[in-house]
Amino acid sequence: MHCMRFLIANILLLGIISVMPSGIHACDCGVPSPQEAFKKSDVVFLAQFVGFRKKRFKQRSYRAIALKVEKVWKGDIEADVVTYYADAPGWCGDLDLVAGQRYVLYATRFAHLNGELVVEGDCWRGPRVDEAEADFAFFATLPAPHEPALKR
C-alpha cells in the first residue's frame, strides 16, 4: 500500500513537470526602452547617487535618495536633490544604487505626494552610465540637455 502511494505520487509529479513551460525565468519584468521610459516620465536626468535618506510626508517617513544632478533631458530638477525612491529590495529589476556611481534616471511626479518626484527602482529604467548606451543614443536625437536648476 505504501509503495503504491509512492508510485502514484511520483507519476503525478512527473506528469506535472512534463507539462510545465520550459522557458521559466526567475525574473523577467520587461524594463521599458529609453523611448518608452522618456515618454512616461516627467523628469529624465543624469545624476550621481550620493546615498539613501528618509523623507517625511504627512507624518510618515519614506525611503529617499540623495542625488547630484548633472544634466537634464526632460523636465526640471534641482542640482542637489533628495527625492522619493520606490523600490522593494530583492524584487525583479532592482536598481542597484552604489554611492558615487552615475545613473541615467527617469522620474515621475506623483499627485498623492503633492507632485513630488519619485524614482522607481523595480522593473524601471535607470542604468549606470557605463550601461546606458541605448539611452545616450536616444538622447542624441533630442535637443541638447540643460543644466539642473539652482536651489530655490
C-alpha atoms as a PDB file:
ATOM      1  CA  MET A   1       0.000   0.000   0.000  1.00  0.00           C
ATOM      2  CA  HIS A   2       2.791   2.401   0.916  1.00  0.00           C
ATOM      3  CA  CYS A   3       4.652   1.563  -2.300  1.00  0.00           C
ATOM      4  CA  MET A   4       1.510   2.166  -4.346  1.00  0.00           C
ATOM      5  CA  ARG A   5       1.041   5.706  -2.894  1.00  0.00           C
ATOM      6  CA  PHE A   6       4.722   6.462  -3.509  1.00  0.00           C
ATOM      7  CA  LEU A   7       4.409   5.272  -7.120  1.00  0.00           C
ATOM      8  CA  ILE A   8       1.248   7.318  -7.749  1.00  0.00           C
ATOM      9  CA  ALA A   9       2.809  10.434  -6.198  1.00  0.00           C
ATOM     10  CA  ASN A  10       5.886  10.094  -8.414  1.00  0.00           C
ATOM     11  CA  ILE A  11       3.795   9.570 -11.545  1.00  0.00           C
ATOM     12  CA  LEU A  12       1.760  12.698 -10.719  1.00  0.00           C
ATOM     13  CA  LEU A  13       4.931  14.697 -10.069  1.00  0.00           C
ATOM     14  CA  LEU A  14       6.473  13.602 -13.376  1.00  0.00           C
ATOM     15  CA  GLY A  15       3.229  14.449 -15.161  1.00  0.00           C
ATOM     16  CA  ILE A  16       3.199  17.946 -13.695  1.00  0.00           C
ATOM     17  CA  ILE A  17       6.859  18.520 -14.554  1.00  0.00           C
ATOM     18  CA  SER A  18       6.366  17.326 -18.135  1.00  0.00           C
ATOM     19  CA  VAL A  19       3.643  19.909 -18.842  1.00  0.00           C
ATOM     20  CA  MET A  20       5.447  22.882 -17.253  1.00  0.00           C
ATOM     21  CA  PRO A  21       6.761  25.501 -19.689  1.00  0.00           C
ATOM     22  CA  SER A  22      10.473  25.119 -20.316  1.00  0.00           C
ATOM     23  CA  GLY A  23      11.259  28.836 -20.548  1.00  0.00           C
ATOM     24  CA  ILE A  24      10.585  29.828 -16.951  1.00  0.00           C
ATOM     25  CA  HIS A  25      12.724  32.696 -15.700  1.00  0.00           C
ATOM     26  CA  ALA A  26      13.017  33.838 -12.106  1.00  0.00           C
ATOM     27  CA  CYS A  27      12.864  37.474 -13.100  1.00  0.00           C
ATOM     28  CA  ASP A  28      11.558  38.897 -16.341  1.00  0.00           C
ATOM     29  CA  CYS A  29       9.767  42.167 -15.764  1.00  0.00           C
ATOM     30  CA  GLY A  30      10.320  43.879 -19.106  1.00  0.00           C
ATOM     31  CA  VAL A  31      12.211  47.104 -18.388  1.00  0.00           C
ATOM     32  CA  PRO A  32      10.959  49.749 -20.859  1.00  0.00           C
ATOM     33  CA  SER A  33      13.074  51.099 -23.722  1.00  0.00           C
ATOM     34  CA  PRO A  34      14.601  54.576 -23.353  1.00  0.00           C
ATOM     35  CA  GLN A  35      11.882  55.959 -25.655  1.00  0.00           C
ATOM     36  CA  GLU A  36       9.054  54.416 -23.590  1.00  0.00           C
ATOM     37  CA  ALA A  37      10.560  55.470 -20.264  1.00  0.00           C
ATOM     38  CA  PHE A  38      11.183  59.012 -21.577  1.00  0.00           C
ATOM     39  CA  LYS A  39       7.574  59.334 -22.746  1.00  0.00           C
ATOM     40  CA  LYS A  40       6.146  58.097 -19.415  1.00  0.00           C
ATOM     41  CA  SER A  41       8.479  60.165 -17.184  1.00  0.00           C
ATOM     42  CA  ASP A  42       8.154  63.755 -16.045  1.00  0.00           C
ATOM     43  CA  VAL A  43      11.896  64.266 -15.480  1.00  0.00           C
ATOM     44  CA  VAL A  44      14.826  62.495 -17.161  1.00  0.00           C
ATOM     45  CA  PHE A  45      18.321  63.260 -15.934  1.00  0.00           C
ATOM     46  CA  LEU A  46      21.900  62.169 -15.304  1.00  0.00           C
ATOM     47  CA  ALA A  47      22.935  62.153 -11.648  1.00  0.00           C
ATOM     48  CA  GLN A  48      25.486  60.851  -9.208  1.00  0.00           C
ATOM     49  CA  PHE A  49      23.993  58.775  -6.380  1.00  0.00           C
ATOM     50  CA  VAL A  50      25.050  60.225  -3.014  1.00  0.00           C
ATOM     51  CA  GLY A  51      23.204  57.906  -0.623  1.00  0.00           C
ATOM     52  CA  PHE A  52      19.942  56.729   0.876  1.00  0.00           C
ATOM     53  CA  ARG A  53      17.899  59.084   3.052  1.00  0.00           C
ATOM     54  CA  LYS A  54      14.485  59.307   4.701  1.00  0.00           C
ATOM     55  CA  LYS A  55      11.941  61.884   3.581  1.00  0.00           C
ATOM     56  CA  ARG A  56       8.801  62.788   5.519  1.00  0.00           C
ATOM     57  CA  PHE A  57       5.355  63.373   4.072  1.00  0.00           C
ATOM     58  CA  LYS A  58       2.218  63.738   6.205  1.00  0.00           C
ATOM     59  CA  GLN A  59       3.844  62.384   9.375  1.00  0.00           C
ATOM     60  CA  ARG A  60       5.219  59.295   7.576  1.00  0.00           C
ATOM     61  CA  SER A  61       8.808  58.538   6.687  1.00  0.00           C
ATOM     62  CA  TYR A  62       9.589  57.246   3.205  1.00  0.00           C
ATOM     63  CA  ARG A  63      12.724  55.916   1.557  1.00  0.00           C
ATOM     64  CA  ALA A  64      14.515  58.550  -0.485  1.00  0.00           C
ATOM     65  CA  ILE A  65      17.752  59.020  -2.409  1.00  0.00           C
ATOM     66  CA  ALA A  66      20.153  61.955  -2.443  1.00  0.00           C
ATOM     67  CA  LEU A  67      21.446  62.890  -5.892  1.00  0.00           C
ATOM     68  CA  LYS A  68      23.796  65.392  -7.517  1.00  0.00           C
ATOM     69  CA  VAL A  69      22.148  66.169 -10.860  1.00  0.00           C
ATOM     70  CA  GLU A  70      24.454  66.885 -13.809  1.00  0.00           C
ATOM     71  CA  LYS A  71      22.250  67.046 -16.944  1.00  0.00           C
ATOM     72  CA  VAL A  72      18.518  67.186 -17.597  1.00  0.00           C
ATOM     73  CA  TRP A  73      16.873  65.985 -20.823  1.00  0.00           C
ATOM     74  CA  LYS A  74      13.261  66.443 -19.740  1.00  0.00           C
ATOM     75  CA  GLY A  75      11.559  68.486 -17.031  1.00  0.00           C
ATOM     76  CA  ASP A  76      13.149  70.457 -14.209  1.00  0.00           C
ATOM     77  CA  ILE A  77      15.032  69.311 -11.122  1.00  0.00           C
ATOM     78  CA  GLU A  78      17.451  70.943  -8.689  1.00  0.00           C
ATOM     79  CA  ALA A  79      21.189  70.241  -8.798  1.00  0.00           C
ATOM     80  CA  ASP A  80      21.230  68.730  -5.287  1.00  0.00           C
ATOM     81  CA  VAL A  81      18.037  66.861  -4.574  1.00  0.00           C
ATOM     82  CA  VAL A  82      16.582  64.290  -2.221  1.00  0.00           C
ATOM     83  CA  THR A  83      13.724  62.510  -3.971  1.00  0.00           C
ATOM     84  CA  TYR A  84      11.441  59.635  -3.074  1.00  0.00           C
ATOM     85  CA  TYR A  85      12.591  56.194  -4.149  1.00  0.00           C
ATOM     86  CA  ALA A  86      10.062  53.407  -4.803  1.00  0.00           C
ATOM     87  CA  ASP A  87      11.812  50.062  -4.504  1.00  0.00           C
ATOM     88  CA  ALA A  88      11.116  46.701  -2.941  1.00  0.00           C
ATOM     89  CA  PRO A  89      14.625  45.270  -2.353  1.00  0.00           C
ATOM     90  CA  GLY A  90      15.135  41.828  -3.840  1.00  0.00           C
ATOM     91  CA  TRP A  91      12.319  42.163  -6.354  1.00  0.00           C
ATOM     92  CA  CYS A  92      12.690  41.848 -10.070  1.00  0.00           C
ATOM     93  CA  GLY A  93      14.590  44.607 -11.844  1.00  0.00           C
ATOM     94  CA  ASP A  94      16.086  46.361  -8.803  1.00  0.00           C
ATOM     95  CA  LEU A  95      18.204  49.443  -9.336  1.00  0.00           C
ATOM     96  CA  ASP A  96      21.420  48.547  -7.557  1.00  0.00           C
ATOM     97  CA  LEU A  97      22.417  52.049  -6.495  1.00  0.00           C
ATOM     98  CA  VAL A  98      26.038  52.470  -5.378  1.00  0.00           C
ATOM     99  CA  ALA A  99      27.289  55.691  -3.794  1.00  0.00           C
ATOM    100  CA  GLY A 100      29.495  57.650  -6.172  1.00  0.00           C
ATOM    101  CA  GLN A 101      28.154  55.941  -9.311  1.00  0.00           C
ATOM    102  CA  ARG A 102      26.387  57.952 -12.023  1.00  0.00           C
ATOM    103  CA  TYR A 103      22.986  56.906 -13.399  1.00  0.00           C
ATOM    104  CA  VAL A 104      20.504  57.931 -16.066  1.00  0.00           C
ATOM    105  CA  LEU A 105      17.268  58.255 -14.088  1.00  0.00           C
ATOM    106  CA  TYR A 106      13.641  58.544 -15.129  1.00  0.00           C
ATOM    107  CA  ALA A 107      11.324  60.066 -12.516  1.00  0.00           C
ATOM    108  CA  THR A 108       7.594  60.680 -12.248  1.00  0.00           C
ATOM    109  CA  ARG A 109       5.665  63.321 -10.297  1.00  0.00           C
ATOM    110  CA  PHE A 110       3.073  61.674  -8.058  1.00  0.00           C
ATOM    111  CA  ALA A 111      -0.125  63.613  -7.313  1.00  0.00           C
ATOM    112  CA  HIS A 112      -0.672  61.901  -3.938  1.00  0.00           C
ATOM    113  CA  LEU A 113       2.768  63.228  -2.869  1.00  0.00           C
ATOM    114  CA  ASN A 114       1.868  66.825  -3.861  1.00  0.00           C
ATOM    115  CA  GLY A 115       3.638  66.458  -7.195  1.00  0.00           C
ATOM    116  CA  GLU A 116       6.944  65.339  -5.659  1.00  0.00           C
ATOM    117  CA  LEU A 117       9.278  63.284  -7.839  1.00  0.00           C
ATOM    118  CA  VAL A 118       9.632  59.549  -7.402  1.00  0.00           C
ATOM    119  CA  VAL A 119      12.412  57.445  -8.907  1.00  0.00           C
ATOM    120  CA  GLU A 120      11.153  53.899  -9.331  1.00  0.00           C
ATOM    121  CA  GLY A 121      13.542  51.069  -8.605  1.00  0.00           C
ATOM    122  CA  ASP A 122      11.677  47.926  -9.638  1.00  0.00           C
ATOM    123  CA  CYS A 123      11.281  46.983 -13.305  1.00  0.00           C
ATOM    124  CA  TRP A 124      12.009  50.517 -14.421  1.00  0.00           C
ATOM    125  CA  ARG A 125      14.774  52.109 -16.394  1.00  0.00           C
ATOM    126  CA  GLY A 126      17.764  53.576 -14.525  1.00  0.00           C
ATOM    127  CA  PRO A 127      21.041  52.305 -15.944  1.00  0.00           C
ATOM    128  CA  ARG A 128      24.504  53.177 -14.708  1.00  0.00           C
ATOM    129  CA  VAL A 129      26.290  55.473 -17.157  1.00  0.00           C
ATOM    130  CA  ASP A 130      28.518  52.640 -18.408  1.00  0.00           C
ATOM    131  CA  GLU A 131      25.387  50.593 -19.244  1.00  0.00           C
ATOM    132  CA  ALA A 132      23.361  53.416 -20.822  1.00  0.00           C
ATOM    133  CA  GLU A 133      24.435  53.234 -24.485  1.00  0.00           C
ATOM    134  CA  ALA A 134      20.850  52.895 -25.704  1.00  0.00           C
ATOM    135  CA  ASP A 135      19.756  55.850 -23.551  1.00  0.00           C
ATOM    136  CA  PHE A 136      22.527  58.135 -24.822  1.00  0.00           C
ATOM    137  CA  ALA A 137      21.837  57.089 -28.433  1.00  0.00           C
ATOM    138  CA  PHE A 138      18.189  58.099 -27.939  1.00  0.00           C
ATOM    139  CA  PHE A 139      19.154  61.361 -26.181  1.00  0.00           C
ATOM    140  CA  ALA A 140      21.329  62.262 -29.186  1.00  0.00           C
ATOM    141  CA  THR A 141      18.088  62.617 -31.207  1.00  0.00           C
ATOM    142  CA  LEU A 142      16.736  65.204 -28.719  1.00  0.00           C
ATOM    143  CA  PRO A 143      17.574  68.874 -28.124  1.00  0.00           C
ATOM    144  CA  ALA A 144      20.725  69.358 -26.021  1.00  0.00           C
ATOM    145  CA  PRO A 145      20.268  68.714 -22.272  1.00  0.00           C
ATOM    146  CA  HIS A 146      20.096  71.653 -19.878  1.00  0.00           C
ATOM    147  CA  GLU A 147      21.678  72.292 -16.514  1.00  0.00           C
ATOM    148  CA  PRO A 148      19.773  71.463 -13.326  1.00  0.00           C
ATOM    149  CA  ALA A 149      18.017  74.313 -11.536  1.00  0.00           C
ATOM    150  CA  LEU A 150      19.719  76.221  -8.732  1.00  0.00           C
ATOM    151  CA  LYS A 151      18.371  75.611  -5.238  1.00  0.00           C
ATOM    152  CA  ARG A 152      15.229  77.690  -4.654  1.00  0.00           C
END
